[in-house]
Every structure is written in C-alpha cells, then in structure tokens.
C-alpha cells in the first residue's frame, strides 16, 4: 500500500540522518520501516531508486509543510510563518543532518 511506501521513505530519512548516503543500508531501512527486505525491493529495486523516490518525498513533505504553515496568511505574517517553518524543519528533520555527516556528498550535488 502507499502507506507502506511512505513508511519506507520516512525510515530512509531516519537512516540517512544516522549513517549518511554512502553508508545507507537497505536492510537497515527495511528494519527501521518494519518491513522485510523483499517488501522494500517490491517498492524500490535499488538504492538509487530509493534515493530518487526519497528526494521526491522530501520535497513533497517540505512543500506540504510550508503550505500548511502559511495557509491563509499574507504579507509579513506569511513570510514570518514560512521562515519559522524552515527553521523548525531544519532542526527536526533527520535528513537535514546529512550535511553534518557527509558534507562532500551535499557539496557534490550543488
């Protein structure tokens, strides 16, 4: 189900936050998500496919969050809400820690 897929993607964020992209283990993602490796492979055939889907998931989570945070606001209130969301997102979201774990990977993607 799509719930299982989202659980795998959320688990990917946690594992990336701990280990970074280079040491990302599909076994650890499956364990974190509470699914078997074959189930993970049904959704994502490779590490590269998982990371591609994770990038899309990450953007969707950010876009949804910022839209919710700024809904119905205008002008400086909207800007303030957007900035607060961005700061909270960076502090709470484990995927953002990748820059601390593997700065060379992040720099290579710029």
PDB file of N, CA and C in Angstrom:
ATOM      1  N   UNK A   1       0.842  -1.196   0.000  1.00  0.00           N
ATOM      2  CA  UNK A   1       0.000   0.000   0.000  1.00  0.00           C
ATOM      3  C   UNK A   1       0.876   1.244   0.000  1.00  0.00           C
ATOM      4  N   UNK A   2       0.289   2.374  -0.333  1.00  0.00           N
ATOM      5  CA  UNK A   2       1.071   3.613  -0.337  1.00  0.00           C
ATOM      6  C   UNK A   2       1.494   3.997   1.077  1.00  0.00           C
ATOM      7  N   UNK A   3       0.761   3.529   2.090  1.00  0.00           N
ATOM      8  CA  UNK A   3       1.167   3.777   3.479  1.00  0.00           C
ATOM      9  C   UNK A   3       2.495   3.097   3.761  1.00  0.00           C
ATOM     10  N   UNK A   4       2.649   1.884   3.276  1.00  0.00           N
ATOM     11  CA  UNK A   4       3.903   1.152   3.465  1.00  0.00           C
ATOM     12  C   UNK A   4       5.046   1.869   2.739  1.00  0.00           C
ATOM     13  N   UNK A   5       4.772   2.352   1.546  1.00  0.00           N
ATOM     14  CA  UNK A   5       5.785   3.080   0.775  1.00  0.00           C
ATOM     15  C   UNK A   5       6.229   4.329   1.537  1.00  0.00           C
ATOM     16  N   UNK A   6       5.270   5.061   2.075  1.00  0.00           N
ATOM     17  CA  UNK A   6       5.601   6.277   2.833  1.00  0.00           C
ATOM     18  C   UNK A   6       6.383   5.934   4.100  1.00  0.00           C
ATOM     19  N   UNK A   7       6.047   4.801   4.714  1.00  0.00           N
ATOM     20  CA  UNK A   7       6.775   4.363   5.906  1.00  0.00           C
ATOM     21  C   UNK A   7       8.234   4.050   5.547  1.00  0.00           C
ATOM     22  N   UNK A   8       8.453   3.437   4.399  1.00  0.00           N
ATOM     23  CA  UNK A   8       9.812   3.145   3.937  1.00  0.00           C
ATOM     24  C   UNK A   8      10.569   4.448   3.680  1.00  0.00           C
ATOM     25  N   UNK A   9       9.910   5.412   3.066  1.00  0.00           N
ATOM     26  CA  UNK A   9      10.568   6.691   2.782  1.00  0.00           C
ATOM     27  C   UNK A   9      10.869   7.461   4.067  1.00  0.00           C
ATOM     28  N   UNK A  10       9.962   7.422   5.030  1.00  0.00           N
ATOM     29  CA  UNK A  10      10.218   8.070   6.326  1.00  0.00           C
ATOM     30  C   UNK A  10      11.379   7.377   7.035  1.00  0.00           C
ATOM     31  N   UNK A  11      11.438   6.061   6.942  1.00  0.00           N
ATOM     32  CA  UNK A  11      12.542   5.308   7.543  1.00  0.00           C
ATOM     33  C   UNK A  11      13.858   5.662   6.862  1.00  0.00           C
ATOM     34  N   UNK A  12      13.814   5.901   5.566  1.00  0.00           N
ATOM     35  CA  UNK A  12      15.013   6.300   4.825  1.00  0.00           C
ATOM     36  C   UNK A  12      15.578   7.594   5.398  1.00  0.00           C
ATOM     37  N   UNK A  13      14.712   8.543   5.731  1.00  0.00           N
ATOM     38  CA  UNK A  13      15.163   9.801   6.337  1.00  0.00           C
ATOM     39  C   UNK A  13      15.893   9.537   7.641  1.00  0.00           C
ATOM     40  N   UNK A  14      15.353   8.647   8.458  1.00  0.00           N
ATOM     41  CA  UNK A  14      15.985   8.334   9.745  1.00  0.00           C
ATOM     42  C   UNK A  14      17.348   7.683   9.550  1.00  0.00           C
ATOM     43  N   UNK A  15      17.419   6.719   8.645  1.00  0.00           N
ATOM     44  CA  UNK A  15      18.679   6.011   8.408  1.00  0.00           C
ATOM     45  C   UNK A  15      19.709   6.952   7.781  1.00  0.00           C
ATOM     46  N   UNK A  16      19.289   7.778   6.840  1.00  0.00           N
ATOM     47  CA  UNK A  16      20.205   8.762   6.260  1.00  0.00           C
ATOM     48  C   UNK A  16      20.719   9.721   7.326  1.00  0.00           C
ATOM     49  N   UNK A  17      19.842  10.120   8.238  1.00  0.00           N
ATOM     50  CA  UNK A  17      20.233  11.026   9.316  1.00  0.00           C
ATOM     51  C   UNK A  17      21.272  10.423  10.243  1.00  0.00           C
ATOM     52  N   UNK A  18      21.258   9.113  10.387  1.00  0.00           N
ATOM     53  CA  UNK A  18      22.243   8.427  11.239  1.00  0.00           C
ATOM     54  C   UNK A  18      23.530   8.088  10.504  1.00  0.00           C
ATOM     55  N   UNK A  19      23.389   7.595   9.266  1.00  0.00           N
ATOM     56  CA  UNK A  19      24.527   6.993   8.575  1.00  0.00           C
ATOM     57  C   UNK A  19      25.027   7.742   7.354  1.00  0.00           C
ATOM     58  N   UNK A  20      24.205   8.611   6.797  1.00  0.00           N
ATOM     59  CA  UNK A  20      24.582   9.278   5.561  1.00  0.00           C
ATOM     60  C   UNK A  20      24.243   8.440   4.345  1.00  0.00           C
ATOM     61  N   UNK A  21      24.403   9.042   3.190  1.00  0.00           N
ATOM     62  CA  UNK A  21      24.019   8.399   1.933  1.00  0.00           C
ATOM     63  C   UNK A  21      24.976   7.281   1.544  1.00  0.00           C
ATOM     64  N   UNK A  22      26.273   7.486   1.741  1.00  0.00           N
ATOM     65  CA  UNK A  22      27.261   6.493   1.340  1.00  0.00           C
ATOM     66  C   UNK A  22      27.068   5.178   2.072  1.00  0.00           C
ATOM     67  N   UNK A  23      26.730   5.249   3.348  1.00  0.00           N
ATOM     68  CA  UNK A  23      26.572   4.042   4.166  1.00  0.00           C
ATOM     69  C   UNK A  23      25.113   3.606   4.308  1.00  0.00           C
ATOM     70  N   UNK A  24      24.245   4.141   3.461  1.00  0.00           N
ATOM     71  CA  UNK A  24      22.833   3.764   3.518  1.00  0.00           C
ATOM     72  C   UNK A  24      22.690   2.270   3.252  1.00  0.00           C
ATOM     73  N   UNK A  25      22.045   1.579   4.157  1.00  0.00           N
ATOM     74  CA  UNK A  25      21.827   0.139   4.041  1.00  0.00           C
ATOM     75  C   UNK A  25      20.338  -0.128   3.850  1.00  0.00           C
ATOM     76  N   UNK A  26      20.004  -0.839   2.779  1.00  0.00           N
ATOM     77  CA  UNK A  26      18.603  -1.168   2.539  1.00  0.00           C
ATOM     78  C   UNK A  26      18.059  -2.078   3.633  1.00  0.00           C
ATOM     79  N   UNK A  27      18.918  -2.919   4.185  1.00  0.00           N
ATOM     80  CA  UNK A  27      18.494  -3.776   5.303  1.00  0.00           C
ATOM     81  C   UNK A  27      18.097  -2.930   6.501  1.00  0.00           C
ATOM     82  N   UNK A  28      18.888  -1.892   6.784  1.00  0.00           N
ATOM     83  CA  UNK A  28      18.574  -1.020   7.916  1.00  0.00           C
ATOM     84  C   UNK A  28      17.307  -0.208   7.658  1.00  0.00           C
ATOM     85  N   UNK A  29      17.109   0.223   6.420  1.00  0.00           N
ATOM     86  CA  UNK A  29      15.875   0.943   6.072  1.00  0.00           C
ATOM     87  C   UNK A  29      14.672   0.029   6.282  1.00  0.00           C
ATOM     88  N   UNK A  30      14.776  -1.216   5.815  1.00  0.00           N
ATOM     89  CA  UNK A  30      13.675  -2.172   5.979  1.00  0.00           C
ATOM     90  C   UNK A  30      13.378  -2.390   7.456  1.00  0.00           C
ATOM     91  N   UNK A  31      14.421  -2.573   8.256  1.00  0.00           N
ATOM     92  CA  UNK A  31      14.250  -2.772   9.696  1.00  0.00           C
ATOM     93  C   UNK A  31      13.581  -1.558  10.335  1.00  0.00           C
ATOM     94  N   UNK A  32      14.066  -0.362  10.008  1.00  0.00           N
ATOM     95  CA  UNK A  32      13.509   0.881  10.556  1.00  0.00           C
ATOM     96  C   UNK A  32      12.036   1.040  10.161  1.00  0.00           C
ATOM     97  N   UNK A  33      11.693   0.622   8.943  1.00  0.00           N
ATOM     98  CA  UNK A  33      10.317   0.754   8.446  1.00  0.00           C
ATOM     99  C   UNK A  33       9.403  -0.360   8.937  1.00  0.00           C
ATOM    100  N   UNK A  34      10.001  -1.413   9.494  1.00  0.00           N
ATOM    101  CA  UNK A  34       9.195  -2.542   9.955  1.00  0.00           C
ATOM    102  C   UNK A  34       8.674  -3.401   8.815  1.00  0.00           C
ATOM    103  N   UNK A  35       9.463  -3.488   7.735  1.00  0.00           N
ATOM    104  CA  UNK A  35       9.091  -4.325   6.592  1.00  0.00           C
ATOM    105  C   UNK A  35      10.246  -5.271   6.275  1.00  0.00           C
ATOM    106  N   UNK A  36       9.956  -6.306   5.518  1.00  0.00           N
ATOM    107  CA  UNK A  36      11.005  -7.233   5.099  1.00  0.00           C
ATOM    108  C   UNK A  36      11.779  -6.631   3.922  1.00  0.00           C
ATOM    109  N   UNK A  37      12.986  -7.153   3.691  1.00  0.00           N
ATOM    110  CA  UNK A  37      13.761  -6.691   2.524  1.00  0.00           C
ATOM    111  C   UNK A  37      13.007  -6.950   1.220  1.00  0.00           C
ATOM    112  N   UNK A  38      12.390  -8.146   1.048  1.00  0.00           N
ATOM    113  CA  UNK A  38      11.634  -8.351  -0.195  1.00  0.00           C
ATOM    114  C   UNK A  38      10.524  -7.311  -0.393  1.00  0.00           C
ATOM    115  N   UNK A  39       9.875  -6.905   0.700  1.00  0.00           N
ATOM    116  CA  UNK A  39       8.841  -5.868   0.591  1.00  0.00           C
ATOM    117  C   UNK A  39       9.464  -4.559   0.141  1.00  0.00           C
ATOM    118  N   UNK A  40      10.599  -4.195   0.730  1.00  0.00           N
ATOM    119  CA  UNK A  40      11.287  -2.971   0.320  1.00  0.00           C
ATOM    120  C   UNK A  40      11.646  -3.042  -1.163  1.00  0.00           C
ATOM    121  N   UNK A  41      12.156  -4.189  -1.605  1.00  0.00           N
ATOM    122  CA  UNK A  41      12.545  -4.344  -3.010  1.00  0.00           C
ATOM    123  C   UNK A  41      11.348  -4.346  -3.956  1.00  0.00           C
ATOM    124  N   UNK A  42      10.174  -4.690  -3.468  1.00  0.00           N
ATOM    125  CA  UNK A  42       8.985  -4.583  -4.314  1.00  0.00           C
ATOM    126  C   UNK A  42       8.693  -3.121  -4.645  1.00  0.00           C
ATOM    127  N   UNK A  43       8.985  -2.248  -3.705  1.00  0.00           N
ATOM    128  CA  UNK A  43       8.755  -0.820  -3.914  1.00  0.00           C
ATOM    129  C   UNK A  43       9.931  -0.144  -4.603  1.00  0.00           C
ATOM    130  N   UNK A  44      11.151  -0.548  -4.236  1.00  0.00           N
ATOM    131  CA  UNK A  44      12.363   0.109  -4.738  1.00  0.00           C
ATOM    132  C   UNK A  44      13.386  -0.962  -5.108  1.00  0.00           C
ATOM    133  N   UNK A  45      13.694  -1.063  -6.393  1.00  0.00           N
ATOM    134  CA  UNK A  45      14.554  -2.139  -6.886  1.00  0.00           C
ATOM    135  C   UNK A  45      16.026  -1.950  -6.535  1.00  0.00           C
ATOM    136  N   UNK A  46      16.416  -0.724  -6.169  1.00  0.00           N
ATOM    137  CA  UNK A  46      17.829  -0.456  -5.880  1.00  0.00           C
ATOM    138  C   UNK A  46      17.949   0.720  -4.912  1.00  0.00           C
ATOM    139  N   UNK A  47      19.145   0.885  -4.399  1.00  0.00           N
ATOM    140  CA  UNK A  47      19.444   2.019  -3.521  1.00  0.00           C
ATOM    141  C   UNK A  47      19.219   3.330  -4.284  1.00  0.00           C
ATOM    142  N   UNK A  48      19.629   3.361  -5.539  1.00  0.00           N
ATOM    143  CA  UNK A  48      19.476   4.572  -6.352  1.00  0.00           C
ATOM    144  C   UNK A  48      18.000   4.920  -6.548  1.00  0.00           C
ATOM    145  N   UNK A  49      17.185   3.903  -6.793  1.00  0.00           N
ATOM    146  CA  UNK A  49      15.746   4.137  -6.965  1.00  0.00           C
ATOM    147  C   UNK A  49      15.125   4.648  -5.664  1.00  0.00           C
ATOM    148  N   UNK A  50      15.545   4.078  -4.544  1.00  0.00           N
ATOM    149  CA  UNK A  50      15.055   4.530  -3.240  1.00  0.00           C
ATOM    150  C   UNK A  50      15.452   5.980  -2.997  1.00  0.00           C
ATOM    151  N   UNK A  51      16.709   6.326  -3.286  1.00  0.00           N
ATOM    152  CA  UNK A  51      17.165   7.699  -3.065  1.00  0.00           C
ATOM    153  C   UNK A  51      16.442   8.689  -3.977  1.00  0.00           C
ATOM    154  N   UNK A  52      16.158   8.291  -5.207  1.00  0.00           N
ATOM    155  CA  UNK A  52      15.393   9.157  -6.108  1.00  0.00           C
ATOM    156  C   UNK A  52      13.995   9.413  -5.579  1.00  0.00           C
ATOM    157  N   UNK A  53      13.338   8.349  -5.141  1.00  0.00           N
ATOM    158  CA  UNK A  53      11.991   8.486  -4.569  1.00  0.00           C
ATOM    159  C   UNK A  53      12.038   9.285  -3.274  1.00  0.00           C
ATOM    160  N   UNK A  54      13.103   9.105  -2.506  1.00  0.00           N
ATOM    161  CA  UNK A  54      13.244   9.845  -1.257  1.00  0.00           C
ATOM    162  C   UNK A  54      13.363  11.342  -1.532  1.00  0.00           C
ATOM    163  N   UNK A  55      14.095  11.716  -2.567  1.00  0.00           N
ATOM    164  CA  UNK A  55      14.201  13.135  -2.926  1.00  0.00           C
ATOM    165  C   UNK A  55      12.834  13.735  -3.239  1.00  0.00           C
ATOM    166  N   UNK A  56      12.020  12.978  -3.978  1.00  0.00           N
ATOM    167  CA  UNK A  56      10.660  13.438  -4.286  1.00  0.00           C
ATOM    168  C   UNK A  56       9.823  13.546  -3.013  1.00  0.00           C
ATOM    169  N   UNK A  57       9.937  12.546  -2.147  1.00  0.00           N
ATOM    170  CA  UNK A  57       9.201  12.515  -0.873  1.00  0.00           C
ATOM    171  C   UNK A  57       9.596  13.704   0.001  1.00  0.00           C
ATOM    172  N   UNK A  58      10.897  13.964   0.061  1.00  0.00           N
ATOM    173  CA  UNK A  58      11.418  15.067   0.869  1.00  0.00           C
ATOM    174  C   UNK A  58      10.847  16.399   0.384  1.00  0.00           C
ATOM    175  N   UNK A  59      10.840  16.606  -0.933  1.00  0.00           N
ATOM    176  CA  UNK A  59      10.277  17.846  -1.489  1.00  0.00           C
ATOM    177  C   UNK A  59       8.785  17.953  -1.192  1.00  0.00           C
ATOM    178  N   UNK A  60       8.070  16.832  -1.329  1.00  0.00           N
ATOM    179  CA  UNK A  60       6.629  16.827  -1.052  1.00  0.00           C
ATOM    180  C   UNK A  60       6.350  17.174   0.412  1.00  0.00           C
ATOM    181  N   UNK A  61       7.129  16.595   1.323  1.00  0.00           N
ATOM    182  CA  UNK A  61       6.943  16.872   2.750  1.00  0.00           C
ATOM    183  C   UNK A  61       7.202  18.349   3.051  1.00  0.00           C
ATOM    184  N   UNK A  62       8.248  18.898   2.459  1.00  0.00           N
ATOM    185  CA  UNK A  62       8.569  20.304   2.671  1.00  0.00           C
ATOM    186  C   UNK A  62       7.471  21.192   2.091  1.00  0.00           C
ATOM    187  N   UNK A  63       7.080  20.918   0.851  1.00  0.00           N
ATOM    188  CA  UNK A  63       6.050  21.741   0.198  1.00  0.00           C
ATOM    189  C   UNK A  63       4.730  21.705   0.960  1.00  0.00           C
ATOM    190  N   UNK A  64       4.334  20.515   1.403  1.00  0.00           N
ATOM    191  CA  UNK A  64       3.091  20.381   2.168  1.00  0.00           C
ATOM    192  C   UNK A  64       3.194  21.139   3.485  1.00  0.00           C
ATOM    193  N   UNK A  65       4.320  20.994   4.150  1.00  0.00           N
ATOM    194  CA  UNK A  65       4.517  21.663   5.437  1.00  0.00           C
ATOM    195  C   UNK A  65       4.491  23.172   5.330  1.00  0.00           C
ATOM    196  N   UNK A  66       5.189  23.703   4.336  1.00  0.00           N
ATOM    197  CA  UNK A  66       5.231  25.162   4.207  1.00  0.00           C
ATOM    198  C   UNK A  66       3.876  25.700   3.759  1.00  0.00           C
ATOM    199  N   UNK A  67       3.164  24.951   2.925  1.00  0.00           N
ATOM    200  CA  UNK A  67       1.817  25.377   2.510  1.00  0.00           C
ATOM    201  C   UNK A  67       0.873  25.424   3.702  1.00  0.00           C
ATOM    202  N   UNK A  68       0.954  24.415   4.548  1.00  0.00           N
ATOM    203  CA  UNK A  68       0.114  24.367   5.748  1.00  0.00           C
ATOM    204  C   UNK A  68       0.465  25.506   6.699  1.00  0.00           C
ATOM    205  N   UNK A  69       1.769  25.743   6.879  1.00  0.00           N
ATOM    206  CA  UNK A  69       2.223  26.776   7.815  1.00  0.00           C
ATOM    207  C   UNK A  69       1.818  28.181   7.381  1.00  0.00           C
ATOM    208  N   UNK A  70       1.696  28.391   6.079  1.00  0.00           N
ATOM    209  CA  UNK A  70       1.411  29.742   5.584  1.00  0.00           C
ATOM    210  C   UNK A  70      -0.021  29.918   5.074  1.00  0.00           C
ATOM    211  N   UNK A  71      -0.831  28.888   5.181  1.00  0.00           N
ATOM    212  CA  UNK A  71      -2.207  28.944   4.667  1.00  0.00           C
ATOM    213  C   UNK A  71      -2.985  30.094   5.299  1.00  0.00           C
ATOM    214  N   UNK A  72      -3.620  30.875   4.458  1.00  0.00           N
ATOM    215  CA  UNK A  72      -4.480  31.956   4.925  1.00  0.00           C
ATOM    216  C   UNK A  72      -3.742  33.196   5.394  1.00  0.00           C
ATOM    217  N   UNK A  73      -2.430  33.188   5.325  1.00  0.00           N
ATOM    218  CA  UNK A  73      -1.650  34.346   5.776  1.00  0.00           C
ATOM    219  C   UNK A  73      -1.225  35.182   4.577  1.00  0.00           C
ATOM    220  N   UNK A  74      -0.914  36.451   4.853  1.00  0.00           N
ATOM    221  CA  UNK A  74      -0.487  37.366   3.797  1.00  0.00           C
ATOM    222  C   UNK A  74       0.677  38.199   4.296  1.00  0.00           C
ATOM    223  N   UNK A  75       1.406  38.736   3.353  1.00  0.00           N
ATOM    224  CA  UNK A  75       2.456  39.697   3.654  1.00  0.00           C
ATOM    225  C   UNK A  75       3.494  39.195   4.637  1.00  0.00           C
ATOM    226  N   UNK A  76       3.809  40.064   5.611  1.00  0.00           N
ATOM    227  CA  UNK A  76       4.873  39.724   6.563  1.00  0.00           C
ATOM    228  C   UNK A  76       4.497  38.550   7.456  1.00  0.00           C
ATOM    229  N   UNK A  77       3.205  38.377   7.741  1.00  0.00           N
ATOM    230  CA  UNK A  77       2.787  37.211   8.538  1.00  0.00           C
ATOM    231  C   UNK A  77       3.108  35.919   7.797  1.00  0.00           C
ATOM    232  N   UNK A  78       2.875  35.919   6.494  1.00  0.00           N
ATOM    233  CA  UNK A  78       3.165  34.735   5.680  1.00  0.00           C
ATOM    234  C   UNK A  78       4.669  34.484   5.642  1.00  0.00           C
ATOM    235  N   UNK A  79       5.448  35.541   5.468  1.00  0.00           N
ATOM    236  CA  UNK A  79       6.904  35.415   5.449  1.00  0.00           C
ATOM    237  C   UNK A  79       7.419  34.902   6.787  1.00  0.00           C
ATOM    238  N   UNK A  80       6.929  35.471   7.882  1.00  0.00           N
ATOM    239  CA  UNK A  80       7.337  35.017   9.218  1.00  0.00           C
ATOM    240  C   UNK A  80       7.005  33.544   9.427  1.00  0.00           C
ATOM    241  N   UNK A  81       5.812  33.140   9.035  1.00  0.00           N
ATOM    242  CA  UNK A  81       5.400  31.743   9.197  1.00  0.00           C
ATOM    243  C   UNK A  81       6.275  30.821   8.351  1.00  0.00           C
ATOM    244  N   UNK A  82       6.599  31.254   7.140  1.00  0.00           N
ATOM    245  CA  UNK A  82       7.456  30.446   6.261  1.00  0.00           C
ATOM    246  C   UNK A  82       8.847  30.294   6.863  1.00  0.00           C
ATOM    247  N   UNK A  83       9.403  31.371   7.366  1.00  0.00           N
ATOM    248  CA  UNK A  83      10.741  31.310   7.965  1.00  0.00           C
ATOM    249  C   UNK A  83      10.754  30.449   9.221  1.00  0.00           C
ATOM    250  N   UNK A  84       9.723  30.572  10.052  1.00  0.00           N
ATOM    251  CA  UNK A  84       9.626  29.716  11.249  1.00  0.00           C
ATOM    252  C   UNK A  84       9.554  28.249  10.851  1.00  0.00           C
ATOM    253  N   UNK A  85       8.747  27.953   9.818  1.00  0.00           N
ATOM    254  CA  UNK A  85       8.637  26.571   9.354  1.00  0.00           C
ATOM    255  C   UNK A  85       9.996  26.052   8.888  1.00  0.00           C
ATOM    256  N   UNK A  86      10.708  26.844   8.106  1.00  0.00           N
ATOM    257  CA  UNK A  86      12.006  26.408   7.581  1.00  0.00           C
ATOM    258  C   UNK A  86      12.975  26.106   8.715  1.00  0.00           C
ATOM    259  N   UNK A  87      13.040  26.969   9.714  1.00  0.00           N
ATOM    260  CA  UNK A  87      13.938  26.748  10.852  1.00  0.00           C
ATOM    261  C   UNK A  87      13.537  25.486  11.611  1.00  0.00           C
ATOM    262  N   UNK A  88      12.250  25.329  11.903  1.00  0.00           N
ATOM    263  CA  UNK A  88      11.779  24.137  12.621  1.00  0.00           C
ATOM    264  C   UNK A  88      12.025  22.872  11.807  1.00  0.00           C
ATOM    265  N   UNK A  89      11.819  22.951  10.512  1.00  0.00           N
ATOM    266  CA  UNK A  89      12.033  21.805   9.626  1.00  0.00           C
ATOM    267  C   UNK A  89      13.493  21.370   9.682  1.00  0.00           C
ATOM    268  N   UNK A  90      14.391  22.335   9.594  1.00  0.00           N
ATOM    269  CA  UNK A  90      15.815  22.012   9.625  1.00  0.00           C
ATOM    270  C   UNK A  90      16.236  21.436  10.970  1.00  0.00           C
ATOM    271  N   UNK A  91      15.657  21.912  12.050  1.00  0.00           N
ATOM    272  CA  UNK A  91      16.024  21.420  13.377  1.00  0.00           C
ATOM    273  C   UNK A  91      15.460  20.043  13.665  1.00  0.00           C
ATOM    274  N   UNK A  92      14.299  19.729  13.110  1.00  0.00           N
ATOM    275  CA  UNK A  92      13.637  18.475  13.469  1.00  0.00           C
ATOM    276  C   UNK A  92      13.797  17.370  12.442  1.00  0.00           C
ATOM    277  N   UNK A  93      14.140  17.706  11.224  1.00  0.00           N
ATOM    278  CA  UNK A  93      14.148  16.719  10.158  1.00  0.00           C
ATOM    279  C   UNK A  93      15.502  16.041  10.054  1.00  0.00           C
ATOM    280  N   UNK A  94      15.534  14.744  10.256  1.00  0.00           N
ATOM    281  CA  UNK A  94      16.789  13.996  10.289  1.00  0.00           C
ATOM    282  C   UNK A  94      17.542  14.022   8.966  1.00  0.00           C
ATOM    283  N   UNK A  95      16.841  14.112   7.853  1.00  0.00           N
ATOM    284  CA  UNK A  95      17.514  14.140   6.560  1.00  0.00           C
ATOM    285  C   UNK A  95      18.425  15.342   6.395  1.00  0.00           C
ATOM    286  N   UNK A  96      18.128  16.429   7.088  1.00  0.00           N
ATOM    287  CA  UNK A  96      18.950  17.629   7.003  1.00  0.00           C
ATOM    288  C   UNK A  96      20.323  17.383   7.626  1.00  0.00           C
ATOM    289  N   UNK A  97      20.430  16.423   8.527  1.00  0.00           N
ATOM    290  CA  UNK A  97      21.708  16.130   9.179  1.00  0.00           C
ATOM    291  C   UNK A  97      22.759  15.592   8.216  1.00  0.00           C
ATOM    292  N   UNK A  98      22.361  15.233   7.016  1.00  0.00           N
ATOM    293  CA  UNK A  98      23.314  14.683   6.053  1.00  0.00           C
ATOM    294  C   UNK A  98      24.468  15.650   5.826  1.00  0.00           C
ATOM    295  N   UNK A  99      24.193  16.935   5.840  1.00  0.00           N
ATOM    296  CA  UNK A  99      25.268  17.904   5.632  1.00  0.00           C
ATOM    297  C   UNK A  99      26.328  17.802   6.724  1.00  0.00           C
ATOM    298  N   UNK A 100      25.926  17.412   7.936  1.00  0.00           N
ATOM    299  CA  UNK A 100      26.887  17.227   9.019  1.00  0.00           C
ATOM    300  C   UNK A 100      27.633  15.904   8.892  1.00  0.00           C
ATOM    301  N   UNK A 101      26.950  14.878   8.386  1.00  0.00           N
ATOM    302  CA  UNK A 101      27.537  13.544   8.295  1.00  0.00           C
ATOM    303  C   UNK A 101      28.416  13.406   7.057  1.00  0.00           C
ATOM    304  N   UNK A 102      27.915  13.877   5.915  1.00  0.00           N
ATOM    305  CA  UNK A 102      28.618  13.729   4.642  1.00  0.00           C
ATOM    306  C   UNK A 102      28.603  15.036   3.852  1.00  0.00           C
ATOM    307  N   UNK A 103      29.343  16.040   4.301  1.00  0.00           N
ATOM    308  CA  UNK A 103      29.317  17.312   3.575  1.00  0.00           C
ATOM    309  C   UNK A 103      29.779  17.173   2.126  1.00  0.00           C
ATOM    310  N   UNK A 104      30.682  16.222   1.859  1.00  0.00           N
ATOM    311  CA  UNK A 104      31.182  16.049   0.489  1.00  0.00           C
ATOM    312  C   UNK A 104      30.081  15.597  -0.467  1.00  0.00           C
ATOM    313  N   UNK A 105      29.131  14.804   0.025  1.00  0.00           N
ATOM    314  CA  UNK A 105      28.010  14.357  -0.811  1.00  0.00           C
ATOM    315  C   UNK A 105      27.113  15.542  -1.140  1.00  0.00           C
ATOM    316  N   UNK A 106      26.833  16.365  -0.144  1.00  0.00           N
ATOM    317  CA  UNK A 106      25.977  17.537  -0.353  1.00  0.00           C
ATOM    318  C   UNK A 106      26.655  18.519  -1.302  1.00  0.00           C
ATOM    319  N   UNK A 107      27.943  18.764  -1.100  1.00  0.00           N
ATOM    320  CA  UNK A 107      28.681  19.705  -1.953  1.00  0.00           C
ATOM    321  C   UNK A 107      28.702  19.216  -3.400  1.00  0.00           C
ATOM    322  N   UNK A 108      28.878  17.914  -3.591  1.00  0.00           N
ATOM    323  CA  UNK A 108      28.911  17.348  -4.947  1.00  0.00           C
ATOM    324  C   UNK A 108      27.578  17.525  -5.668  1.00  0.00           C
ATOM    325  N   UNK A 109      26.485  17.634  -4.913  1.00  0.00           N
ATOM    326  CA  UNK A 109      25.166  17.779  -5.521  1.00  0.00           C
ATOM    327  C   UNK A 109      24.808  19.230  -5.828  1.00  0.00           C
ATOM    328  N   UNK A 110      25.633  20.166  -5.382  1.00  0.00           N
ATOM    329  CA  UNK A 110      25.354  21.589  -5.634  1.00  0.00           C
ATOM    330  C   UNK A 110      25.731  21.984  -7.048  1.00  0.00           C
TER     331      UNK A 110
END
